C-alpha atoms as a PDB file:
ATOM      1  CA  MET A   1     337.913  74.517 115.119  1.00  0.00           C
ATOM      2  CA  LEU A   2     339.847  74.804 112.119  1.00  0.00           C
ATOM      3  CA  ARG A   3     339.278  71.063 111.069  1.00  0.00           C
ATOM      4  CA  PRO A   4     335.357  71.360 111.536  1.00  0.00           C
ATOM      5  CA  LEU A   5     335.098  74.346 109.365  1.00  0.00           C
ATOM      6  CA  LEU A   6     337.272  73.132 106.457  1.00  0.00           C
ATOM      7  CA  SER A   7     334.710  70.333 106.666  1.00  0.00           C
ATOM      8  CA  LEU A   8     331.798  72.529 106.285  1.00  0.00           C
ATOM      9  CA  LEU A   9     333.697  74.477 103.474  1.00  0.00           C
ATOM     10  CA  ALA A  10     334.334  71.068 101.932  1.00  0.00           C
ATOM     11  CA  THR A  11     330.619  70.285 101.897  1.00  0.00           C
ATOM     12  CA  VAL A  12     329.597  73.001 100.371  1.00  0.00           C
ATOM     13  CA  ALA A  13     332.118  73.355  97.511  1.00  0.00           C
ATOM     14  CA  ALA A  14     331.229  69.163  96.900  1.00  0.00           C
ATOM     15  CA  THR A  15     327.575  70.301  97.043  1.00  0.00           C
ATOM     16  CA  LEU A  16     328.179  72.833  94.167  1.00  0.00           C
ATOM     17  CA  ALA A  17     330.786  70.858  92.270  1.00  0.00           C
ATOM     18  CA  ILE A  18     328.016  67.806  92.293  1.00  0.00           C
ATOM     19  CA  GLY A  19     325.241  70.271  91.081  1.00  0.00           C
ATOM     20  CA  TRP A  20     327.759  71.880  88.227  1.00  0.00           C
ATOM     21  CA  ILE A  21     328.975  68.413  87.243  1.00  0.00           C
ATOM     22  CA  VAL A  22     325.338  66.732  86.616  1.00  0.00           C
ATOM     23  CA  ASP A  23     323.947  70.048  85.178  1.00  0.00           C
ATOM     24  CA  GLN A  24     327.079  70.201  82.548  1.00  0.00           C
ATOM     25  CA  ALA A  25     326.468  66.209  82.138  1.00  0.00           C
ATOM     26  CA  LEU A  26     322.760  67.033  81.080  1.00  0.00           C
ATOM     27  CA  GLN A  27     323.528  69.672  78.982  1.00  0.00           C
ATOM     28  CA  ARG A  28     325.888  67.497  77.041  1.00  0.00           C
ATOM     29  CA  ILE A  29     323.462  64.762  76.804  1.00  0.00           C
ATOM     30  CA  ALA A  30     320.820  67.196  75.990  1.00  0.00           C
ATOM     31  CA  ALA A  31     323.176  68.371  73.110  1.00  0.00           C
ATOM     32  CA  ARG A  32     323.885  64.667  71.762  1.00  0.00           C
ATOM     33  CA  GLN A  33     320.078  64.196  71.788  1.00  0.00           C
ATOM     34  CA  PRO A  34     318.090  67.034  70.659  1.00  0.00           C
ATOM     35  CA  SER A  35     315.295  64.864  70.093  1.00  0.00           C
ATOM     36  CA  ALA A  36     314.931  63.644  73.723  1.00  0.00           C
ATOM     37  CA  PRO A  37     313.407  66.698  75.843  1.00  0.00           C
ATOM     38  CA  VAL A  38     313.602  64.947  79.078  1.00  0.00           C
ATOM     39  CA  TRP A  39     317.362  65.890  79.586  1.00  0.00           C
ATOM     40  CA  PRO A  40     316.625  69.754  79.373  1.00  0.00           C
ATOM     41  CA  LEU A  41     313.896  69.514  81.767  1.00  0.00           C
ATOM     42  CA  LEU A  42     315.665  67.464  84.039  1.00  0.00           C
ATOM     43  CA  ARG A  43     317.938  70.636  84.575  1.00  0.00           C
ATOM     44  CA  ARG A  44     315.033  72.000  86.828  1.00  0.00           C
ATOM     45  CA  CYS A  45     316.062  69.314  89.635  1.00  0.00           C
ATOM     46  CA  ARG A  46     319.489  71.368  90.137  1.00  0.00           C
ATOM     47  CA  ILE A  47     318.375  72.947  93.285  1.00  0.00           C
ATOM     48  CA  PRO A  48     316.463  69.940  95.252  1.00  0.00           C
ATOM     49  CA  LEU A  49     319.379  68.091  94.346  1.00  0.00           C
ATOM     50  CA  GLN A  50     322.238  69.894  95.793  1.00  0.00           C
ATOM     51  CA  LEU A  51     320.024  71.096  98.870  1.00  0.00           C
ATOM     52  CA  ALA A  52     319.732  66.878  99.144  1.00  0.00           C
ATOM     53  CA  VAL A  53     323.466  66.602  98.582  1.00  0.00           C
ATOM     54  CA  VAL A  54     324.284  68.990 101.492  1.00  0.00           C
ATOM     55  CA  SER A  55     321.587  67.911 103.990  1.00  0.00           C
ATOM     56  CA  ALA A  56     323.226  64.400 103.504  1.00  0.00           C
ATOM     57  CA  LEU A  57     326.928  65.564 104.046  1.00  0.00           C
ATOM     58  CA  LEU A  58     325.908  67.294 106.825  1.00  0.00           C
ATOM     59  CA  LEU A  59     324.091  64.650 108.304  1.00  0.00           C
ATOM     60  CA  ALA A  60     327.274  62.458 108.094  1.00  0.00           C
ATOM     61  CA  ALA A  61     330.184  64.593 108.651  1.00  0.00           C
ATOM     62  CA  LYS A  62     328.412  66.641 111.843  1.00  0.00           C
ATOM     63  CA  PRO A  63     330.517  69.813 111.147  1.00  0.00           C
ATOM     64  CA  LEU A  64     328.047  71.881 112.569  1.00  0.00           C
ATOM     65  CA  GLN A  65     328.267  70.397 116.184  1.00  0.00           C
ATOM     66  CA  ARG A  66     331.914  70.576 116.100  1.00  0.00           C
ATOM     67  CA  ILE A  67     331.888  73.981 115.065  1.00  0.00           C
ATOM     68  CA  PHE A  68     329.307  75.212 117.647  1.00  0.00           C
ATOM     69  CA  HIS A  69     330.230  72.418 120.434  1.00  0.00           C
ATOM     70  CA  LEU A  70     327.024  70.819 120.539  1.00  0.00           C
ATOM     71  CA  LYS A  71     327.075  67.994 123.279  1.00  0.00           C
ATOM     72  CA  HIS A  72     323.568  66.914 122.391  1.00  0.00           C
ATOM     73  CA  ASP A  73     323.284  66.670 118.621  1.00  0.00           C
ATOM     74  CA  ASP A  74     320.232  64.339 118.453  1.00  0.00           C
ATOM     75  CA  GLY A  75     318.033  67.787 117.806  1.00  0.00           C
ATOM     76  CA  ALA A  76     320.420  69.016 115.036  1.00  0.00           C
ATOM     77  CA  GLN A  77     320.888  65.626 113.402  1.00  0.00           C
ATOM     78  CA  HIS A  78     317.114  65.127 113.450  1.00  0.00           C
ATOM     79  CA  LEU A  79     316.459  68.814 111.744  1.00  0.00           C
ATOM     80  CA  LEU A  80     318.851  67.443 108.950  1.00  0.00           C
ATOM     81  CA  LEU A  81     317.398  64.454 108.475  1.00  0.00           C
ATOM     82  CA  LEU A  82     313.734  66.191 108.102  1.00  0.00           C
ATOM     83  CA  PHE A  83     315.545  68.630 105.871  1.00  0.00           C
ATOM     84  CA  LEU A  84     316.897  65.771 103.862  1.00  0.00           C
ATOM     85  CA  LEU A  85     313.494  64.028 103.449  1.00  0.00           C
ATOM     86  CA  ALA A  86     311.964  66.910 102.182  1.00  0.00           C
ATOM     87  CA  SER A  87     314.702  67.523  99.611  1.00  0.00           C
ATOM     88  CA  LEU A  88     314.350  64.150  98.300  1.00  0.00           C
ATOM     89  CA  GLY A  89     310.521  64.516  98.151  1.00  0.00           C
ATOM     90  CA  TRP A  90     310.923  67.630  96.082  1.00  0.00           C
ATOM     91  CA  LEU A  91     313.281  66.221  94.056  1.00  0.00           C
ATOM     92  CA  THR A  92     311.197  63.154  93.196  1.00  0.00           C
ATOM     93  CA  VAL A  93     308.495  65.734  92.421  1.00  0.00           C
ATOM     94  CA  ARG A  94     310.673  67.615  90.025  1.00  0.00           C
ATOM     95  CA  VAL A  95     311.689  64.188  88.486  1.00  0.00           C
ATOM     96  CA  VAL A  96     308.215  63.058  87.893  1.00  0.00           C
ATOM     97  CA  ALA A  97     307.377  66.199  86.353  1.00  0.00           C
ATOM     98  CA  ALA A  98     309.853  66.314  84.105  1.00  0.00           C
ATOM     99  CA  VAL A  99     309.554  62.650  82.891  1.00  0.00           C
ATOM    100  CA  LEU A 100     305.572  63.342  82.304  1.00  0.00           C
ATOM    101  CA  GLU A 101     306.363  66.662  80.218  1.00  0.00           C
ATOM    102  CA  ALA A 102     308.766  64.846  78.196  1.00  0.00           C
ATOM    103  CA  LEU A 103     306.651  62.100  77.384  1.00  0.00           C
ATOM    104  CA  LEU A 104     303.940  64.722  76.150  1.00  0.00           C
ATOM    105  CA  SER A 105     306.421  66.383  74.424  1.00  0.00           C
ATOM    106  CA  ARG A 106     307.737  63.607  72.440  1.00  0.00           C
ATOM    107  CA  TYR A 107     303.670  62.529  71.940  1.00  0.00           C
ATOM    108  CA  GLU A 108     302.908  66.031  70.541  1.00  0.00           C
ATOM    109  CA  SER A 109     306.010  65.820  68.133  1.00  0.00           C
ATOM    110  CA  ARG A 110     304.904  62.677  66.839  1.00  0.00           C
ATOM    111  CA  VAL A 111     300.925  62.562  66.407  1.00  0.00           C
ATOM    112  CA  ASP A 112     299.262  65.224  64.274  1.00  0.00           C
ATOM    113  CA  ASP A 113     295.705  64.147  65.888  1.00  0.00           C
ATOM    114  CA  PRO A 114     294.688  67.257  68.037  1.00  0.00           C
ATOM    115  CA  ALA A 115     291.741  65.392  69.722  1.00  0.00           C
ATOM    116  CA  ARG A 116     294.259  62.503  70.883  1.00  0.00           C
ATOM    117  CA  VAL A 117     297.135  65.348  71.763  1.00  0.00           C
ATOM    118  CA  GLN A 118     294.337  66.844  74.001  1.00  0.00           C
ATOM    119  CA  ARG A 119     293.219  63.356  75.352  1.00  0.00           C
ATOM    120  CA  VAL A 120     297.279  62.595  76.416  1.00  0.00           C
ATOM    121  CA  ARG A 121     297.569  65.912  77.899  1.00  0.00           C
ATOM    122  CA  THR A 122     294.593  65.677  79.999  1.00  0.00           C
ATOM    123  CA  GLN A 123     295.545  61.942  81.421  1.00  0.00           C
ATOM    124  CA  ILE A 124     299.412  63.298  82.072  1.00  0.00           C
ATOM    125  CA  SER A 125     298.092  66.609  83.907  1.00  0.00           C
ATOM    126  CA  MET A 126     296.182  64.357  85.962  1.00  0.00           C
ATOM    127  CA  LEU A 127     298.836  61.743  86.629  1.00  0.00           C
ATOM    128  CA  ARG A 128     301.024  64.594  87.485  1.00  0.00           C
ATOM    129  CA  ARG A 129     299.017  65.836  90.056  1.00  0.00           C
ATOM    130  CA  ALA A 130     298.053  62.593  91.365  1.00  0.00           C
ATOM    131  CA  ALA A 131     301.741  61.611  91.694  1.00  0.00           C
ATOM    132  CA  ASP A 132     302.760  64.959  93.241  1.00  0.00           C
ATOM    133  CA  ALA A 133     299.544  64.270  95.991  1.00  0.00           C
ATOM    134  CA  LEU A 134     301.064  60.633  96.470  1.00  0.00           C
ATOM    135  CA  ILE A 135     304.989  62.096  96.897  1.00  0.00           C
ATOM    136  CA  VAL A 136     303.844  64.653  99.399  1.00  0.00           C
ATOM    137  CA  VAL A 137     301.716  62.135 101.601  1.00  0.00           C
ATOM    138  CA  VAL A 138     304.462  59.660 101.505  1.00  0.00           C
ATOM    139  CA  THR A 139     307.147  62.241 102.226  1.00  0.00           C
ATOM    140  CA  VAL A 140     305.137  63.683 105.360  1.00  0.00           C
ATOM    141  CA  ALA A 141     304.735  60.319 106.760  1.00  0.00           C
ATOM    142  CA  VAL A 142     308.226  59.473 106.580  1.00  0.00           C
ATOM    143  CA  MET A 143     309.023  62.686 108.305  1.00  0.00           C
ATOM    144  CA  LEU A 144     306.487  62.225 110.659  1.00  0.00           C
ATOM    145  CA  LEU A 145     307.708  58.457 111.286  1.00  0.00           C
ATOM    146  CA  THR A 146     310.940  59.931 112.392  1.00  0.00           C
ATOM    147  CA  PHE A 147     309.604  61.533 115.558  1.00  0.00           C
ATOM    148  CA  SER A 148     309.861  58.917 118.386  1.00  0.00           C
ATOM    149  CA  ALA A 149     306.378  59.786 119.770  1.00  0.00           C
ATOM    150  CA  MET A 150     304.952  58.772 116.495  1.00  0.00           C
ATOM    151  CA  ARG A 151     306.486  55.452 116.637  1.00  0.00           C
ATOM    152  CA  THR A 152     305.343  54.721 120.352  1.00  0.00           C
ATOM    153  CA  ILE A 153     301.475  55.367 119.182  1.00  0.00           C
ATOM    154  CA  GLY A 154     301.902  53.466 115.987  1.00  0.00           C
ATOM    155  CA  ALA A 155     300.165  50.322 117.120  1.00  0.00           C
ATOM    156  CA  SER A 156     297.435  51.896 118.966  1.00  0.00           C
ATOM    157  CA  LEU A 157     296.933  53.796 115.405  1.00  0.00           C
ATOM    158  CA  LEU A 158     297.019  50.807 113.704  1.00  0.00           C
ATOM    159  CA  ALA A 159     294.688  48.997 116.145  1.00  0.00           C
ATOM    160  CA  SER A 160     292.003  51.971 115.520  1.00  0.00           C
ATOM    161  CA  ALA A 161     292.612  52.045 111.975  1.00  0.00           C
ATOM    162  CA  GLY A 162     289.728  50.356 110.746  1.00  0.00           C
ATOM    163  CA  ILE A 163     287.062  52.880 112.754  1.00  0.00           C
ATOM    164  CA  ILE A 164     289.326  55.692 111.599  1.00  0.00           C
ATOM    165  CA  GLY A 165     288.799  54.943 107.917  1.00  0.00           C
ATOM    166  CA  ILE A 166     285.248  54.350 108.169  1.00  0.00           C
ATOM    167  CA  VAL A 167     284.975  58.044 109.742  1.00  0.00           C
ATOM    168  CA  ALA A 168     287.287  59.378 107.527  1.00  0.00           C
ATOM    169  CA  GLY A 169     285.785  57.693 104.609  1.00  0.00           C
ATOM    170  CA  ILE A 170     282.068  58.933 105.301  1.00  0.00           C
ATOM    171  CA  ALA A 171     283.751  62.688 106.032  1.00  0.00           C
ATOM    172  CA  ALA A 172     285.610  63.116 103.185  1.00  0.00           C
ATOM    173  CA  GLN A 173     283.165  61.227 100.583  1.00  0.00           C
ATOM    174  CA  SER A 174     282.694  64.232  98.514  1.00  0.00           C
ATOM    175  CA  THR A 175     286.482  64.903  98.321  1.00  0.00           C
ATOM    176  CA  LEU A 176     287.094  61.079  97.271  1.00  0.00           C
ATOM    177  CA  GLY A 177     284.115  61.067  95.022  1.00  0.00           C
ATOM    178  CA  ASN A 178     285.464  64.440  93.104  1.00  0.00           C
ATOM    179  CA  PHE A 179     289.379  62.581  93.210  1.00  0.00           C
ATOM    180  CA  PHE A 180     287.973  59.351  91.691  1.00  0.00           C
ATOM    181  CA  ALA A 181     285.654  61.408  89.334  1.00  0.00           C
ATOM    182  CA  GLY A 182     288.846  63.421  88.030  1.00  0.00           C
ATOM    183  CA  LEU A 183     290.553  60.132  87.390  1.00  0.00           C
ATOM    184  CA  GLN A 184     287.341  58.840  85.354  1.00  0.00           C
ATOM    185  CA  ILE A 185     287.412  62.121  83.322  1.00  0.00           C
ATOM    186  CA  ALA A 186     291.134  61.436  82.589  1.00  0.00           C
ATOM    187  CA  PHE A 187     290.840  58.473  81.210  1.00  0.00           C
ATOM    188  CA  GLY A 188     287.649  57.791  80.298  1.00  0.00           C
ATOM    189  CA  ASP A 189     288.026  60.722  77.502  1.00  0.00           C
ATOM    190  CA  THR A 190     284.920  62.434  78.373  1.00  0.00           C
ATOM    191  CA  VAL A 191     286.438  66.088  78.499  1.00  0.00           C
ATOM    192  CA  ARG A 192     289.778  67.387  77.641  1.00  0.00           C
ATOM    193  CA  ILE A 193     291.742  70.209  78.116  1.00  0.00           C
ATOM    194  CA  GLY A 194     291.007  72.617  75.537  1.00  0.00           C
ATOM    195  CA  ASP A 195     287.334  71.054  74.527  1.00  0.00           C
ATOM    196  CA  THR A 196     284.327  73.196  73.893  1.00  0.00           C
ATOM    197  CA  VAL A 197     281.638  72.354  76.199  1.00  0.00           C
ATOM    198  CA  VAL A 198     278.183  73.453  77.395  1.00  0.00           C
ATOM    199  CA  VAL A 199     277.366  73.350  81.057  1.00  0.00           C
ATOM    200  CA  ASP A 200     274.202  74.486  82.241  1.00  0.00           C
ATOM    201  CA  GLY A 201     273.689  76.719  79.256  1.00  0.00           C
ATOM    202  CA  GLN A 202     276.915  78.234  78.913  1.00  0.00           C
ATOM    203  CA  GLN A 203     279.340  77.612  76.351  1.00  0.00           C
ATOM    204  CA  GLY A 204     283.207  77.814  77.605  1.00  0.00           C
ATOM    205  CA  THR A 205     286.324  76.148  76.761  1.00  0.00           C
ATOM    206  CA  VAL A 206     287.943  73.748  79.562  1.00  0.00           C
ATOM    207  CA  GLU A 207     290.917  75.662  80.845  1.00  0.00           C
ATOM    208  CA  GLU A 208     292.150  73.375  83.725  1.00  0.00           C
ATOM    209  CA  ILE A 209     291.511  70.268  84.974  1.00  0.00           C
ATOM    210  CA  THR A 210     292.193  69.125  88.339  1.00  0.00           C
ATOM    211  CA  LEU A 211     291.631  66.236  90.795  1.00  0.00           C
ATOM    212  CA  SER A 212     288.694  68.330  92.521  1.00  0.00           C
ATOM    213  CA  TYR A 213     287.296  70.772  90.296  1.00  0.00           C
ATOM    214  CA  LEU A 214     287.421  71.786  86.642  1.00  0.00           C
ATOM    215  CA  VAL A 215     287.830  75.371  85.101  1.00  0.00           C
ATOM    216  CA  VAL A 216     285.719  76.474  81.980  1.00  0.00           C
ATOM    217  CA  ARG A 217     286.672  80.007  80.265  1.00  0.00           C
ATOM    218  CA  LEU A 218     283.418  81.336  78.811  1.00  0.00           C
ATOM    219  CA  TRP A 219     283.189  83.412  75.899  1.00  0.00           C
ATOM    220  CA  ASP A 220     283.179  86.798  78.022  1.00  0.00           C
ATOM    221  CA  TYR A 221     286.434  85.639  79.833  1.00  0.00           C
ATOM    222  CA  ARG A 222     284.760  84.730  83.261  1.00  0.00           C
ATOM    223  CA  ARG A 223     285.938  81.460  84.749  1.00  0.00           C
ATOM    224  CA  LEU A 224     283.280  78.818  85.677  1.00  0.00           C
ATOM    225  CA  ILE A 225     284.337  76.725  88.452  1.00  0.00           C
ATOM    226  CA  VAL A 226     282.685  73.325  88.374  1.00  0.00           C
ATOM    227  CA  PRO A 227     283.224  70.092  90.586  1.00  0.00           C
ATOM    228  CA  VAL A 228     284.707  67.163  88.400  1.00  0.00           C
ATOM    229  CA  SER A 229     281.863  65.299  89.592  1.00  0.00           C
ATOM    230  CA  TYR A 230     279.371  67.252  87.612  1.00  0.00           C
ATOM    231  CA  PHE A 231     280.866  65.711  84.394  1.00  0.00           C
ATOM    232  CA  VAL A 232     280.442  61.931  85.884  1.00  0.00           C
ATOM    233  CA  ASN A 233     277.035  62.341  87.017  1.00  0.00           C
ATOM    234  CA  LYS A 234     275.042  65.000  84.789  1.00  0.00           C
ATOM    235  CA  PRO A 235     274.720  65.398  80.744  1.00  0.00           C
ATOM    236  CA  PHE A 236     276.716  68.027  79.279  1.00  0.00           C
ATOM    237  CA  GLU A 237     277.287  68.902  75.804  1.00  0.00           C
ATOM    238  CA  ASN A 238     281.356  68.489  74.143  1.00  0.00           C
ATOM    239  CA  TRP A 239     281.478  69.793  71.010  1.00  0.00           C
ATOM    240  CA  THR A 240     285.076  68.926  70.368  1.00  0.00           C
ATOM    241  CA  ARG A 241     285.261  65.199  71.707  1.00  0.00           C
ATOM    242  CA  ARG A 242     285.891  63.694  68.275  1.00  0.00           C
ATOM    243  CA  ASP A 243     286.433  66.511  65.631  1.00  0.00           C
ATOM    244  CA  PRO A 244     287.021  70.057  66.742  1.00  0.00           C
ATOM    245  CA  GLY A 245     285.221  70.999  63.647  1.00  0.00           C
ATOM    246  CA  LEU A 246     281.547  71.824  63.871  1.00  0.00           C
ATOM    247  CA  LEU A 247     278.661  72.811  61.348  1.00  0.00           C
ATOM    248  CA  ALA A 248     277.454  76.379  62.127  1.00  0.00           C
ATOM    249  CA  ALA A 249     273.698  76.951  61.037  1.00  0.00           C
ATOM    250  CA  VAL A 250     272.010  80.537  60.663  1.00  0.00           C
ATOM    251  CA  LEU A 251     268.277  80.972  60.581  1.00  0.00           C
ATOM    252  CA  LEU A 252     266.143  83.437  58.892  1.00  0.00           C
ATOM    253  CA  HIS A 253     262.694  84.235  58.889  1.00  0.00           C
ATOM    254  CA  LEU A 254     261.999  85.424  55.414  1.00  0.00           C
ATOM    255  CA  ASP A 255     258.754  86.464  53.026  1.00  0.00           C
ATOM    256  CA  HIS A 256     257.164  83.862  51.101  1.00  0.00           C
ATOM    257  CA  THR A 257     258.052  85.833  47.906  1.00  0.00           C
ATOM    258  CA  THR A 258     262.007  85.225  48.715  1.00  0.00           C
ATOM    259  CA  ARG A 259     263.926  83.800  45.797  1.00  0.00           C
ATOM    260  CA  VAL A 260     265.263  80.849  47.580  1.00  0.00           C
ATOM    261  CA  ASP A 261     267.791  79.588  44.863  1.00  0.00           C
ATOM    262  CA  GLU A 262     269.197  83.190  44.239  1.00  0.00           C
ATOM    263  CA  LEU A 263     269.931  83.307  48.085  1.00  0.00           C
ATOM    264  CA  ARG A 264     271.396  79.775  47.898  1.00  0.00           C
ATOM    265  CA  THR A 265     273.895  81.082  45.116  1.00  0.00           C
ATOM    266  CA  THR A 266     274.581  84.050  47.368  1.00  0.00           C
ATOM    267  CA  LEU A 267     275.327  82.002  50.079  1.00  0.00           C
ATOM    268  CA  ARG A 268     278.089  79.870  48.268  1.00  0.00           C
ATOM    269  CA  ALA A 269     279.583  83.028  46.966  1.00  0.00           C
ATOM    270  CA  ARG A 270     279.985  84.720  50.421  1.00  0.00           C
ATOM    271  CA  LEU A 271     281.423  81.274  51.722  1.00  0.00           C
ATOM    272  CA  ASP A 272     283.958  81.070  49.178  1.00  0.00           C
ATOM    273  CA  ARG A 273     285.391  84.340  49.847  1.00  0.00           C
ATOM    274  CA  HIS A 274     285.030  83.508  53.659  1.00  0.00           C
ATOM    275  CA  PRO A 275     288.785  82.778  55.305  1.00  0.00           C
ATOM    276  CA  LEU A 276     286.649  81.076  58.131  1.00  0.00           C
ATOM    277  CA  TRP A 277     284.799  78.676  56.163  1.00  0.00           C
ATOM    278  CA  ALA A 278     286.459  75.129  56.128  1.00  0.00           C
ATOM    279  CA  GLY A 279     285.383  74.257  52.947  1.00  0.00           C
ATOM    280  CA  GLY A 280     283.333  71.210  53.699  1.00  0.00           C
ATOM    281  CA  GLU A 281     279.318  70.994  53.913  1.00  0.00           C
ATOM    282  CA  TRP A 282     277.280  73.797  53.290  1.00  0.00           C
ATOM    283  CA  ALA A 283     273.500  74.378  52.455  1.00  0.00           C
ATOM    284  CA  LEU A 284     270.577  76.434  52.309  1.00  0.00           C
ATOM    285  CA  ASP A 285     267.241  74.811  52.873  1.00  0.00           C
ATOM    286  CA  VAL A 286     263.601  75.840  53.854  1.00  0.00           C
ATOM    287  CA  THR A 287     263.034  74.115  57.038  1.00  0.00           C
ATOM    288  CA  ASP A 288     259.655  75.716  58.043  1.00  0.00           C
ATOM    289  CA  THR A 289     256.593  77.520  57.202  1.00  0.00           C
ATOM    290  CA  THR A 290     254.048  79.931  59.048  1.00  0.00           C
ATOM    291  CA  PRO A 291     251.276  82.024  57.529  1.00  0.00           C
ATOM    292  CA  SER A 292     253.336  84.958  57.411  1.00  0.00           C
ATOM    293  CA  THR A 293     257.063  83.641  56.672  1.00  0.00           C
ATOM    294  CA  ILE A 294     259.152  80.941  55.526  1.00  0.00           C
ATOM    295  CA  VAL A 295     261.930  79.810  57.917  1.00  0.00           C
ATOM    296  CA  VAL A 296     265.463  79.558  55.726  1.00  0.00           C
ATOM    297  CA  ARG A 297     268.457  77.582  57.348  1.00  0.00           C
ATOM    298  CA  ALA A 298     271.748  78.062  56.397  1.00  0.00           C
ATOM    299  CA  THR A 299     274.647  75.422  57.345  1.00  0.00           C
ATOM    300  CA  MET A 300     278.483  75.563  56.897  1.00  0.00           C
ATOM    301  CA  THR A 301     281.447  74.035  58.021  1.00  0.00           C
ATOM    302  CA  ALA A 302     284.247  75.704  60.704  1.00  0.00           C
ATOM    303  CA  ARG A 303     287.461  74.280  61.963  1.00  0.00           C
ATOM    304  CA  THR A 304     286.948  75.300  65.611  1.00  0.00           C
ATOM    305  CA  PRO A 305     284.206  76.457  67.931  1.00  0.00           C
ATOM    306  CA  ASP A 306     285.326  79.852  67.699  1.00  0.00           C
ATOM    307  CA  ASP A 307     285.195  79.973  64.199  1.00  0.00           C
ATOM    308  CA  ALA A 308     282.010  78.730  63.566  1.00  0.00           C
ATOM    309  CA  ALA A 309     280.609  81.407  65.775  1.00  0.00           C
ATOM    310  CA  ARG A 310     282.437  84.106  64.051  1.00  0.00           C
ATOM    311  CA  LEU A 311     281.020  82.803  60.562  1.00  0.00           C
ATOM    312  CA  ARG A 312     277.498  82.333  61.693  1.00  0.00           C
ATOM    313  CA  PHE A 313     277.560  85.982  62.751  1.00  0.00           C
ATOM    314  CA  ASP A 314     279.213  87.424  59.391  1.00  0.00           C
ATOM    315  CA  ILE A 315     277.113  85.326  57.399  1.00  0.00           C
ATOM    316  CA  ARG A 316     273.905  86.195  59.073  1.00  0.00           C
ATOM    317  CA  GLU A 317     274.751  89.884  58.477  1.00  0.00           C
ATOM    318  CA  GLN A 318     275.941  89.434  54.853  1.00  0.00           C
ATOM    319  CA  LEU A 319     273.090  87.769  53.756  1.00  0.00           C
ATOM    320  CA  ILE A 320     270.399  90.303  55.758  1.00  0.00           C
ATOM    321  CA  ALA A 321     272.259  93.273  54.031  1.00  0.00           C
ATOM    322  CA  HIS A 322     272.226  91.554  50.680  1.00  0.00           C
ATOM    323  CA  LEU A 323     268.563  91.028  50.984  1.00  0.00           C
ATOM    324  CA  ARG A 324     267.793  94.569  51.921  1.00  0.00           C
ATOM    325  CA  ASP A 325     269.825  96.134  49.126  1.00  0.00           C
ATOM    326  CA  GLU A 326     268.843  93.761  46.069  1.00  0.00           C
ATOM    327  CA  HIS A 327     265.345  92.182  47.430  1.00  0.00           C
ATOM    328  CA  PRO A 328     263.902  94.042  50.237  1.00  0.00           C
ATOM    329  CA  HIS A 329     260.461  92.714  49.542  1.00  0.00           C
ATOM    330  CA  ALA A 330     262.148  89.346  50.800  1.00  0.00           C
ATOM    331  CA  LEU A 331     262.144  90.583  54.333  1.00  0.00           C
ATOM    332  CA  PRO A 332     259.382  89.945  56.689  1.00  0.00           C
ATOM    333  CA  ARG A 333     256.120  92.323  56.088  1.00  0.00           C
ATOM    334  CA  LEU A 334     253.143  92.674  57.821  1.00  0.00           C
ATOM    335  CA  ARG A 335     250.200  92.294  55.166  1.00  0.00           C
ATOM    336  CA  THR A 336     247.420  94.748  55.954  1.00  0.00           C
ATOM    337  CA  THR A 337     245.660  93.751  52.311  1.00  0.00           C
ATOM    338  CA  ASP A 338     244.685  90.703  50.236  1.00  0.00           C
ATOM    339  CA  THR A 339     247.067  91.981  47.296  1.00  0.00           C
END
């Protein structure tokens, strides 16, 4: 009785020691290579690593069977084997996530182009989800193959695999379509996390992209859930695909007597003092005329879609206030006489 108990204690001690040694080694490597973010991220793998080690040691030493006097230990050994496989799958998921996050962090530190960073972030996010799904499927498949019943019916399953595959493909047509659409979005660079898009007339920011759906945060903080296949099969607006900067426009309907040159000078003066103006293009032009008004369009650049919306609101308000206070005759009026 004492020997199996000591074996169990030694297994637990060895597991804790291996986890501590690996953690200390990663800390030292991270201190020597501060520019490599992968080593601190790998420290998240300590728990699944210890679970895999303890299950492997228990599977090899069999101390539990000797302690509890189990004559037929096939069930216990099988349970430990399943636990070992699940721990290895969890460990693989953590390692893949750490490597991909380290690659993204390294890329972000070296590239100053926000558009390229968003594209790579979206691609790595989709790769991580696909890798996680693949690892889970493989782990579950290997765990199922450890059952003798599954191995026995394996031949019949393979014989009918063609028919099952056709039926499954028809049944999961929508799911598979969304899956491949998600991969096409990630590597086709049509939509990225952080892009400003217009979907069915609603403007929002892409907040999350998965293998099946895409989350768009609207201006009022509502979330619009859209299947990823929508962005492959239907047209949509992407305001920040190439350049996050935008050209904001303000339309004013004014009287024919409006002094457009003076209003143009006022616009430039207001833009010079406005913190949201990007300092690039600006213009004020008469774009149309009607029997009672002229249509004046003021355009100005902003760095982001949010800045463009705020700049448009402020400039519209300031121009109307200027006309109301300095030139009230320039505001639209309903003429009742010929003079």
